[in-house]
Amino acid sequence: MHVIFVFRAMEAGLGEVVRSFKALVAKSTEHPFWQRNYYEHVIRSDDALLKIRTYIHNNPTVERIKFEEFYKSGSDKSNPYIK
């Protein structure tokens, strides 16, 4: 499952938000399906957000997102993958 959380102002940490979300979903289902850990990534540009949304829509069974691919154009100066 891929989830994009949008935070405008945040008092709780990401871990607390994810824990609460998982607890609420788990209460509404009879079958456990959550993995123990999660991979977090801060989306740093509108272009990256669009690419990630497209990825999620088109590839729901792909196991891992290669985030560095979303910043290849070099247009995002906050790119964490530029050395």
PDB file of N, CA and C in Angstrom:
ATOM      1  N   MET A   1       0.847  -1.164   0.000  1.00  0.00           N
ATOM      2  CA  MET A   1       0.000   0.000   0.000  1.00  0.00           C
ATOM      3  C   MET A   1       0.894   1.228   0.000  1.00  0.00           C
ATOM      4  N   HIS A   2       0.608   2.149  -0.875  1.00  0.00           N
ATOM      5  CA  HIS A   2       1.313   3.428  -0.916  1.00  0.00           C
ATOM      6  C   HIS A   2       0.346   4.495  -0.434  1.00  0.00           C
ATOM      7  N   VAL A   3       0.842   5.400   0.385  1.00  0.00           N
ATOM      8  CA  VAL A   3       0.016   6.483   0.911  1.00  0.00           C
ATOM      9  C   VAL A   3       0.797   7.778   0.804  1.00  0.00           C
ATOM     10  N   ILE A   4       0.125   8.826   0.368  1.00  0.00           N
ATOM     11  CA  ILE A   4       0.725  10.155   0.372  1.00  0.00           C
ATOM     12  C   ILE A   4      -0.026  10.976   1.403  1.00  0.00           C
ATOM     13  N   PHE A   5       0.688  11.374   2.443  1.00  0.00           N
ATOM     14  CA  PHE A   5       0.120  12.262   3.448  1.00  0.00           C
ATOM     15  C   PHE A   5       0.526  13.686   3.098  1.00  0.00           C
ATOM     16  N   VAL A   6      -0.412  14.612   3.196  1.00  0.00           N
ATOM     17  CA  VAL A   6      -0.125  16.028   2.962  1.00  0.00           C
ATOM     18  C   VAL A   6      -0.285  16.748   4.295  1.00  0.00           C
ATOM     19  N   PHE A   7       0.800  17.378   4.744  1.00  0.00           N
ATOM     20  CA  PHE A   7       0.785  18.090   6.015  1.00  0.00           C
ATOM     21  C   PHE A   7       0.934  19.581   5.767  1.00  0.00           C
ATOM     22  N   ARG A   8       0.028  20.339   6.298  1.00  0.00           N
ATOM     23  CA  ARG A   8       0.128  21.806   6.223  1.00  0.00           C
ATOM     24  C   ARG A   8       0.785  22.327   7.498  1.00  0.00           C
ATOM     25  N   ALA A   9       0.281  21.905   8.603  1.00  0.00           N
ATOM     26  CA  ALA A   9       0.874  22.205   9.904  1.00  0.00           C
ATOM     27  C   ALA A   9       0.797  20.909  10.693  1.00  0.00           C
ATOM     28  N   MET A  10       1.855  20.578  11.372  1.00  0.00           N
ATOM     29  CA  MET A  10       1.896  19.263  11.985  1.00  0.00           C
ATOM     30  C   MET A  10       2.413  19.358  13.413  1.00  0.00           C
ATOM     31  N   GLU A  11       1.618  18.852  14.340  1.00  0.00           N
ATOM     32  CA  GLU A  11       2.045  18.817  15.732  1.00  0.00           C
ATOM     33  C   GLU A  11       2.623  17.454  16.084  1.00  0.00           C
ATOM     34  N   ALA A  12       2.129  16.401  15.453  1.00  0.00           N
ATOM     35  CA  ALA A  12       2.597  15.038  15.719  1.00  0.00           C
ATOM     36  C   ALA A  12       3.721  14.692  14.741  1.00  0.00           C
ATOM     37  N   GLY A  13       4.563  13.747  15.127  1.00  0.00           N
ATOM     38  CA  GLY A  13       5.614  13.271  14.237  1.00  0.00           C
ATOM     39  C   GLY A  13       5.059  12.301  13.212  1.00  0.00           C
ATOM     40  N   LEU A  14       5.812  12.062  12.169  1.00  0.00           N
ATOM     41  CA  LEU A  14       5.357  11.160  11.105  1.00  0.00           C
ATOM     42  C   LEU A  14       5.095   9.762  11.644  1.00  0.00           C
ATOM     43  N   GLY A  15       5.956   9.281  12.530  1.00  0.00           N
ATOM     44  CA  GLY A  15       5.767   7.950  13.106  1.00  0.00           C
ATOM     45  C   GLY A  15       4.439   7.820  13.821  1.00  0.00           C
ATOM     46  N   GLU A  16       4.061   8.856  14.556  1.00  0.00           N
ATOM     47  CA  GLU A  16       2.773   8.845  15.275  1.00  0.00           C
ATOM     48  C   GLU A  16       1.602   8.857  14.301  1.00  0.00           C
ATOM     49  N   VAL A  17       1.723   9.637  13.243  1.00  0.00           N
ATOM     50  CA  VAL A  17       0.662   9.700  12.224  1.00  0.00           C
ATOM     51  C   VAL A  17       0.495   8.334  11.564  1.00  0.00           C
ATOM     52  N   VAL A  18       1.596   7.707  11.176  1.00  0.00           N
ATOM     53  CA  VAL A  18       1.532   6.405  10.521  1.00  0.00           C
ATOM     54  C   VAL A  18       0.969   5.358  11.473  1.00  0.00           C
ATOM     55  N   ARG A  19       1.424   5.362  12.717  1.00  0.00           N
ATOM     56  CA  ARG A  19       0.913   4.414  13.721  1.00  0.00           C
ATOM     57  C   ARG A  19      -0.591   4.549  13.895  1.00  0.00           C
ATOM     58  N   SER A  20      -1.065   5.793  13.997  1.00  0.00           N
ATOM     59  CA  SER A  20      -2.504   6.027  14.163  1.00  0.00           C
ATOM     60  C   SER A  20      -3.293   5.575  12.942  1.00  0.00           C
ATOM     61  N   PHE A  21      -2.779   5.882  11.765  1.00  0.00           N
ATOM     62  CA  PHE A  21      -3.433   5.478  10.526  1.00  0.00           C
ATOM     63  C   PHE A  21      -3.535   3.957  10.449  1.00  0.00           C
ATOM     64  N   LYS A  22      -2.426   3.267  10.736  1.00  0.00           N
ATOM     65  CA  LYS A  22      -2.420   1.809  10.685  1.00  0.00           C
ATOM     66  C   LYS A  22      -3.394   1.216  11.713  1.00  0.00           C
ATOM     67  N   ALA A  23      -3.466   1.820  12.893  1.00  0.00           N
ATOM     68  CA  ALA A  23      -4.378   1.324  13.931  1.00  0.00           C
ATOM     69  C   ALA A  23      -5.830   1.481  13.492  1.00  0.00           C
ATOM     70  N   LEU A  24      -6.164   2.631  12.916  1.00  0.00           N
ATOM     71  CA  LEU A  24      -7.536   2.852  12.458  1.00  0.00           C
ATOM     72  C   LEU A  24      -7.926   1.876  11.354  1.00  0.00           C
ATOM     73  N   VAL A  25      -7.018   1.653  10.417  1.00  0.00           N
ATOM     74  CA  VAL A  25      -7.304   0.711   9.330  1.00  0.00           C
ATOM     75  C   VAL A  25      -7.414  -0.710   9.873  1.00  0.00           C
ATOM     76  N   ALA A  26      -6.516  -1.082  10.773  1.00  0.00           N
ATOM     77  CA  ALA A  26      -6.527  -2.438  11.329  1.00  0.00           C
ATOM     78  C   ALA A  26      -7.827  -2.738  12.066  1.00  0.00           C
ATOM     79  N   LYS A  27      -8.402  -1.737  12.718  1.00  0.00           N
ATOM     80  CA  LYS A  27      -9.664  -1.940  13.431  1.00  0.00           C
ATOM     81  C   LYS A  27     -10.823  -2.216  12.487  1.00  0.00           C
ATOM     82  N   SER A  28     -10.702  -1.754  11.249  1.00  0.00           N
ATOM     83  CA  SER A  28     -11.816  -1.900  10.310  1.00  0.00           C
ATOM     84  C   SER A  28     -11.687  -3.139   9.422  1.00  0.00           C
ATOM     85  N   THR A  29     -10.678  -3.942   9.637  1.00  0.00           N
ATOM     86  CA  THR A  29     -10.512  -5.146   8.833  1.00  0.00           C
ATOM     87  C   THR A  29     -10.297  -6.351   9.734  1.00  0.00           C
ATOM     88  N   GLU A  30     -10.621  -7.513   9.218  1.00  0.00           N
ATOM     89  CA  GLU A  30     -10.450  -8.744   9.986  1.00  0.00           C
ATOM     90  C   GLU A  30      -9.118  -9.419   9.703  1.00  0.00           C
ATOM     91  N   HIS A  31      -8.448  -9.033   8.631  1.00  0.00           N
ATOM     92  CA  HIS A  31      -7.217  -9.693   8.209  1.00  0.00           C
ATOM     93  C   HIS A  31      -6.028  -8.758   8.371  1.00  0.00           C
ATOM     94  N   PRO A  32      -5.023  -9.171   9.120  1.00  0.00           N
ATOM     95  CA  PRO A  32      -3.836  -8.313   9.252  1.00  0.00           C
ATOM     96  C   PRO A  32      -3.059  -8.268   7.935  1.00  0.00           C
ATOM     97  N   PHE A  33      -2.666  -7.098   7.522  1.00  0.00           N
ATOM     98  CA  PHE A  33      -1.906  -6.998   6.278  1.00  0.00           C
ATOM     99  C   PHE A  33      -0.786  -5.984   6.354  1.00  0.00           C
ATOM    100  N   TRP A  34      -0.573  -5.357   7.492  1.00  0.00           N
ATOM    101  CA  TRP A  34       0.485  -4.351   7.609  1.00  0.00           C
ATOM    102  C   TRP A  34       1.840  -5.014   7.775  1.00  0.00           C
ATOM    103  N   GLN A  35       2.825  -4.486   7.094  1.00  0.00           N
ATOM    104  CA  GLN A  35       4.188  -4.934   7.351  1.00  0.00           C
ATOM    105  C   GLN A  35       4.698  -4.200   8.579  1.00  0.00           C
ATOM    106  N   ARG A  36       5.734  -4.704   9.160  1.00  0.00           N
ATOM    107  CA  ARG A  36       6.214  -4.155  10.426  1.00  0.00           C
ATOM    108  C   ARG A  36       6.761  -2.733  10.273  1.00  0.00           C
ATOM    109  N   ASN A  37       7.516  -2.475   9.258  1.00  0.00           N
ATOM    110  CA  ASN A  37       8.124  -1.167   9.052  1.00  0.00           C
ATOM    111  C   ASN A  37       7.536  -0.487   7.823  1.00  0.00           C
ATOM    112  N   TYR A  38       7.948   0.728   7.604  1.00  0.00           N
ATOM    113  CA  TYR A  38       7.524   1.463   6.415  1.00  0.00           C
ATOM    114  C   TYR A  38       8.687   2.289   5.921  1.00  0.00           C
ATOM    115  N   TYR A  39       8.610   2.676   4.663  1.00  0.00           N
ATOM    116  CA  TYR A  39       9.637   3.518   4.064  1.00  0.00           C
ATOM    117  C   TYR A  39       9.037   4.888   3.869  1.00  0.00           C
ATOM    118  N   GLU A  40       9.694   5.903   4.395  1.00  0.00           N
ATOM    119  CA  GLU A  40       9.171   7.253   4.249  1.00  0.00           C
ATOM    120  C   GLU A  40      10.050   8.047   3.290  1.00  0.00           C
ATOM    121  N   HIS A  41       9.428   8.977   2.627  1.00  0.00           N
ATOM    122  CA  HIS A  41      10.136   9.856   1.700  1.00  0.00           C
ATOM    123  C   HIS A  41       9.431  11.190   1.692  1.00  0.00           C
ATOM    124  N   VAL A  42      10.188  12.270   1.814  1.00  0.00           N
ATOM    125  CA  VAL A  42       9.624  13.610   1.737  1.00  0.00           C
ATOM    126  C   VAL A  42       9.585  13.997   0.263  1.00  0.00           C
ATOM    127  N   ILE A  43       8.412  14.323  -0.225  1.00  0.00           N
ATOM    128  CA  ILE A  43       8.250  14.738  -1.618  1.00  0.00           C
ATOM    129  C   ILE A  43       8.598  16.215  -1.686  1.00  0.00           C
ATOM    130  N   ARG A  44       9.598  16.546  -2.508  1.00  0.00           N
ATOM    131  CA  ARG A  44      10.196  17.871  -2.469  1.00  0.00           C
ATOM    132  C   ARG A  44       9.779  18.808  -3.589  1.00  0.00           C
ATOM    133  N   SER A  45       8.963  18.337  -4.499  1.00  0.00           N
ATOM    134  CA  SER A  45       8.540  19.228  -5.586  1.00  0.00           C
ATOM    135  C   SER A  45       7.220  18.736  -6.172  1.00  0.00           C
ATOM    136  N   ASP A  46       6.529  19.631  -6.856  1.00  0.00           N
ATOM    137  CA  ASP A  46       5.281  19.243  -7.521  1.00  0.00           C
ATOM    138  C   ASP A  46       5.546  18.221  -8.620  1.00  0.00           C
ATOM    139  N   ASP A  47       6.682  18.363  -9.310  1.00  0.00           N
ATOM    140  CA  ASP A  47       7.039  17.419 -10.359  1.00  0.00           C
ATOM    141  C   ASP A  47       7.238  16.018  -9.781  1.00  0.00           C
ATOM    142  N   ALA A  48       7.949  15.934  -8.665  1.00  0.00           N
ATOM    143  CA  ALA A  48       8.151  14.632  -8.020  1.00  0.00           C
ATOM    144  C   ALA A  48       6.820  14.061  -7.544  1.00  0.00           C
ATOM    145  N   LEU A  49       5.944  14.910  -6.991  1.00  0.00           N
ATOM    146  CA  LEU A  49       4.628  14.447  -6.548  1.00  0.00           C
ATOM    147  C   LEU A  49       3.843  13.848  -7.708  1.00  0.00           C
ATOM    148  N   LEU A  50       3.839  14.513  -8.849  1.00  0.00           N
ATOM    149  CA  LEU A  50       3.135  14.002 -10.026  1.00  0.00           C
ATOM    150  C   LEU A  50       3.705  12.658 -10.465  1.00  0.00           C
ATOM    151  N   LYS A  51       5.034  12.544 -10.491  1.00  0.00           N
ATOM    152  CA  LYS A  51       5.666  11.287 -10.905  1.00  0.00           C
ATOM    153  C   LYS A  51       5.352  10.164  -9.914  1.00  0.00           C
ATOM    154  N   ILE A  52       5.366  10.477  -8.624  1.00  0.00           N
ATOM    155  CA  ILE A  52       5.073   9.463  -7.612  1.00  0.00           C
ATOM    156  C   ILE A  52       3.612   9.028  -7.697  1.00  0.00           C
ATOM    157  N   ARG A  53       2.700   9.978  -7.902  1.00  0.00           N
ATOM    158  CA  ARG A  53       1.285   9.618  -8.070  1.00  0.00           C
ATOM    159  C   ARG A  53       1.095   8.719  -9.284  1.00  0.00           C
ATOM    160  N   THR A  54       1.777   9.038 -10.371  1.00  0.00           N
ATOM    161  CA  THR A  54       1.692   8.222 -11.583  1.00  0.00           C
ATOM    162  C   THR A  54       2.240   6.827 -11.310  1.00  0.00           C
ATOM    163  N   TYR A  55       3.365   6.763 -10.622  1.00  0.00           N
ATOM    164  CA  TYR A  55       3.954   5.476 -10.250  1.00  0.00           C
ATOM    165  C   TYR A  55       2.965   4.639  -9.439  1.00  0.00           C
ATOM    166  N   ILE A  56       2.379   5.248  -8.417  1.00  0.00           N
ATOM    167  CA  ILE A  56       1.437   4.530  -7.558  1.00  0.00           C
ATOM    168  C   ILE A  56       0.243   4.041  -8.362  1.00  0.00           C
ATOM    169  N   HIS A  57      -0.265   4.880  -9.240  1.00  0.00           N
ATOM    170  CA  HIS A  57      -1.427   4.515 -10.050  1.00  0.00           C
ATOM    171  C   HIS A  57      -1.107   3.381 -11.027  1.00  0.00           C
ATOM    172  N   ASN A  58       0.053   3.435 -11.659  1.00  0.00           N
ATOM    173  CA  ASN A  58       0.379   2.482 -12.724  1.00  0.00           C
ATOM    174  C   ASN A  58       1.079   1.216 -12.251  1.00  0.00           C
ATOM    175  N   ASN A  59       1.678   1.237 -11.078  1.00  0.00           N
ATOM    176  CA  ASN A  59       2.499   0.106 -10.654  1.00  0.00           C
ATOM    177  C   ASN A  59       2.184  -0.331  -9.232  1.00  0.00           C
ATOM    178  N   PRO A  60       0.965  -0.723  -8.939  1.00  0.00           N
ATOM    179  CA  PRO A  60       0.628  -1.045  -7.553  1.00  0.00           C
ATOM    180  C   PRO A  60       1.320  -2.289  -7.010  1.00  0.00           C
ATOM    181  N   THR A  61       1.863  -3.131  -7.867  1.00  0.00           N
ATOM    182  CA  THR A  61       2.502  -4.350  -7.372  1.00  0.00           C
ATOM    183  C   THR A  61       4.020  -4.255  -7.337  1.00  0.00           C
ATOM    184  N   VAL A  62       4.575  -3.146  -7.809  1.00  0.00           N
ATOM    185  CA  VAL A  62       6.029  -2.993  -7.779  1.00  0.00           C
ATOM    186  C   VAL A  62       6.460  -2.812  -6.332  1.00  0.00           C
ATOM    187  N   GLU A  63       7.514  -3.517  -5.951  1.00  0.00           N
ATOM    188  CA  GLU A  63       7.871  -3.580  -4.542  1.00  0.00           C
ATOM    189  C   GLU A  63       8.556  -2.331  -4.011  1.00  0.00           C
ATOM    190  N   ARG A  64       9.367  -1.660  -4.817  1.00  0.00           N
ATOM    191  CA  ARG A  64      10.155  -0.556  -4.291  1.00  0.00           C
ATOM    192  C   ARG A  64      10.191   0.619  -5.255  1.00  0.00           C
ATOM    193  N   ILE A  65      10.009   1.802  -4.729  1.00  0.00           N
ATOM    194  CA  ILE A  65      10.109   3.028  -5.521  1.00  0.00           C
ATOM    195  C   ILE A  65      11.557   3.489  -5.493  1.00  0.00           C
ATOM    196  N   LYS A  66      12.108   3.828  -6.640  1.00  0.00           N
ATOM    197  CA  LYS A  66      13.451   4.388  -6.716  1.00  0.00           C
ATOM    198  C   LYS A  66      13.312   5.907  -6.800  1.00  0.00           C
ATOM    199  N   PHE A  67      13.295   6.549  -5.637  1.00  0.00           N
ATOM    200  CA  PHE A  67      13.007   7.973  -5.574  1.00  0.00           C
ATOM    201  C   PHE A  67      14.014   8.827  -6.329  1.00  0.00           C
ATOM    202  N   GLU A  68      15.248   8.380  -6.406  1.00  0.00           N
ATOM    203  CA  GLU A  68      16.240   9.183  -7.124  1.00  0.00           C
ATOM    204  C   GLU A  68      15.840   9.391  -8.579  1.00  0.00           C
ATOM    205  N   GLU A  69      15.037   8.483  -9.139  1.00  0.00           N
ATOM    206  CA  GLU A  69      14.559   8.618 -10.512  1.00  0.00           C
ATOM    207  C   GLU A  69      13.629   9.822 -10.671  1.00  0.00           C
ATOM    208  N   PHE A  70      12.928  10.209  -9.610  1.00  0.00           N
ATOM    209  CA  PHE A  70      11.983  11.310  -9.699  1.00  0.00           C
ATOM    210  C   PHE A  70      12.672  12.670  -9.738  1.00  0.00           C
ATOM    211  N   TYR A  71      13.962  12.700  -9.424  1.00  0.00           N
ATOM    212  CA  TYR A  71      14.687  13.969  -9.378  1.00  0.00           C
ATOM    213  C   TYR A  71      15.770  14.057 -10.453  1.00  0.00           C
ATOM    214  N   LYS A  72      15.735  13.155 -11.437  1.00  0.00           N
ATOM    215  CA  LYS A  72      16.770  13.091 -12.462  1.00  0.00           C
ATOM    216  C   LYS A  72      16.918  14.372 -13.285  1.00  0.00           C
ATOM    217  N   SER A  73      15.842  15.104 -13.500  1.00  0.00           N
ATOM    218  CA  SER A  73      15.895  16.266 -14.384  1.00  0.00           C
ATOM    219  C   SER A  73      16.816  17.352 -13.853  1.00  0.00           C
ATOM    220  N   GLY A  74      17.053  17.377 -12.545  1.00  0.00           N
ATOM    221  CA  GLY A  74      17.909  18.396 -11.957  1.00  0.00           C
ATOM    222  C   GLY A  74      17.207  19.711 -11.716  1.00  0.00           C
ATOM    223  N   SER A  75      15.914  19.781 -12.027  1.00  0.00           N
ATOM    224  CA  SER A  75      15.178  21.037 -11.874  1.00  0.00           C
ATOM    225  C   SER A  75      14.837  21.345 -10.420  1.00  0.00           C
ATOM    226  N   ASP A  76      14.887  20.354  -9.564  1.00  0.00           N
ATOM    227  CA  ASP A  76      14.549  20.553  -8.157  1.00  0.00           C
ATOM    228  C   ASP A  76      15.837  20.756  -7.362  1.00  0.00           C
ATOM    229  N   LYS A  77      16.073  21.982  -6.908  1.00  0.00           N
ATOM    230  CA  LYS A  77      17.311  22.310  -6.199  1.00  0.00           C
ATOM    231  C   LYS A  77      17.378  21.677  -4.812  1.00  0.00           C
ATOM    232  N   SER A  78      16.251  21.175  -4.296  1.00  0.00           N
ATOM    233  CA  SER A  78      16.277  20.520  -2.998  1.00  0.00           C
ATOM    234  C   SER A  78      16.494  19.018  -3.129  1.00  0.00           C
ATOM    235  N   ASN A  79      16.870  18.573  -4.305  1.00  0.00           N
ATOM    236  CA  ASN A  79      17.078  17.162  -4.581  1.00  0.00           C
ATOM    237  C   ASN A  79      18.080  16.560  -3.596  1.00  0.00           C
ATOM    238  N   PRO A  80      17.658  15.608  -2.781  1.00  0.00           N
ATOM    239  CA  PRO A  80      18.572  14.996  -1.817  1.00  0.00           C
ATOM    240  C   PRO A  80      19.561  14.028  -2.476  1.00  0.00           C
ATOM    241  N   TYR A  81      19.401  13.743  -3.770  1.00  0.00           N
ATOM    242  CA  TYR A  81      20.250  12.771  -4.445  1.00  0.00           C
ATOM    243  C   TYR A  81      21.373  13.416  -5.235  1.00  0.00           C
ATOM    244  N   ILE A  82      21.437  14.760  -5.287  1.00  0.00           N
ATOM    245  CA  ILE A  82      22.537  15.443  -5.949  1.00  0.00           C
ATOM    246  C   ILE A  82      23.710  15.482  -4.988  1.00  0.00           C
ATOM    247  N   LYS A  83      24.856  15.079  -5.460  1.00  0.00           N
ATOM    248  CA  LYS A  83      26.048  15.078  -4.593  1.00  0.00           C
ATOM    249  C   LYS A  83      26.918  16.265  -4.873  1.00  0.00           C
TER     250      LYS A  83
END
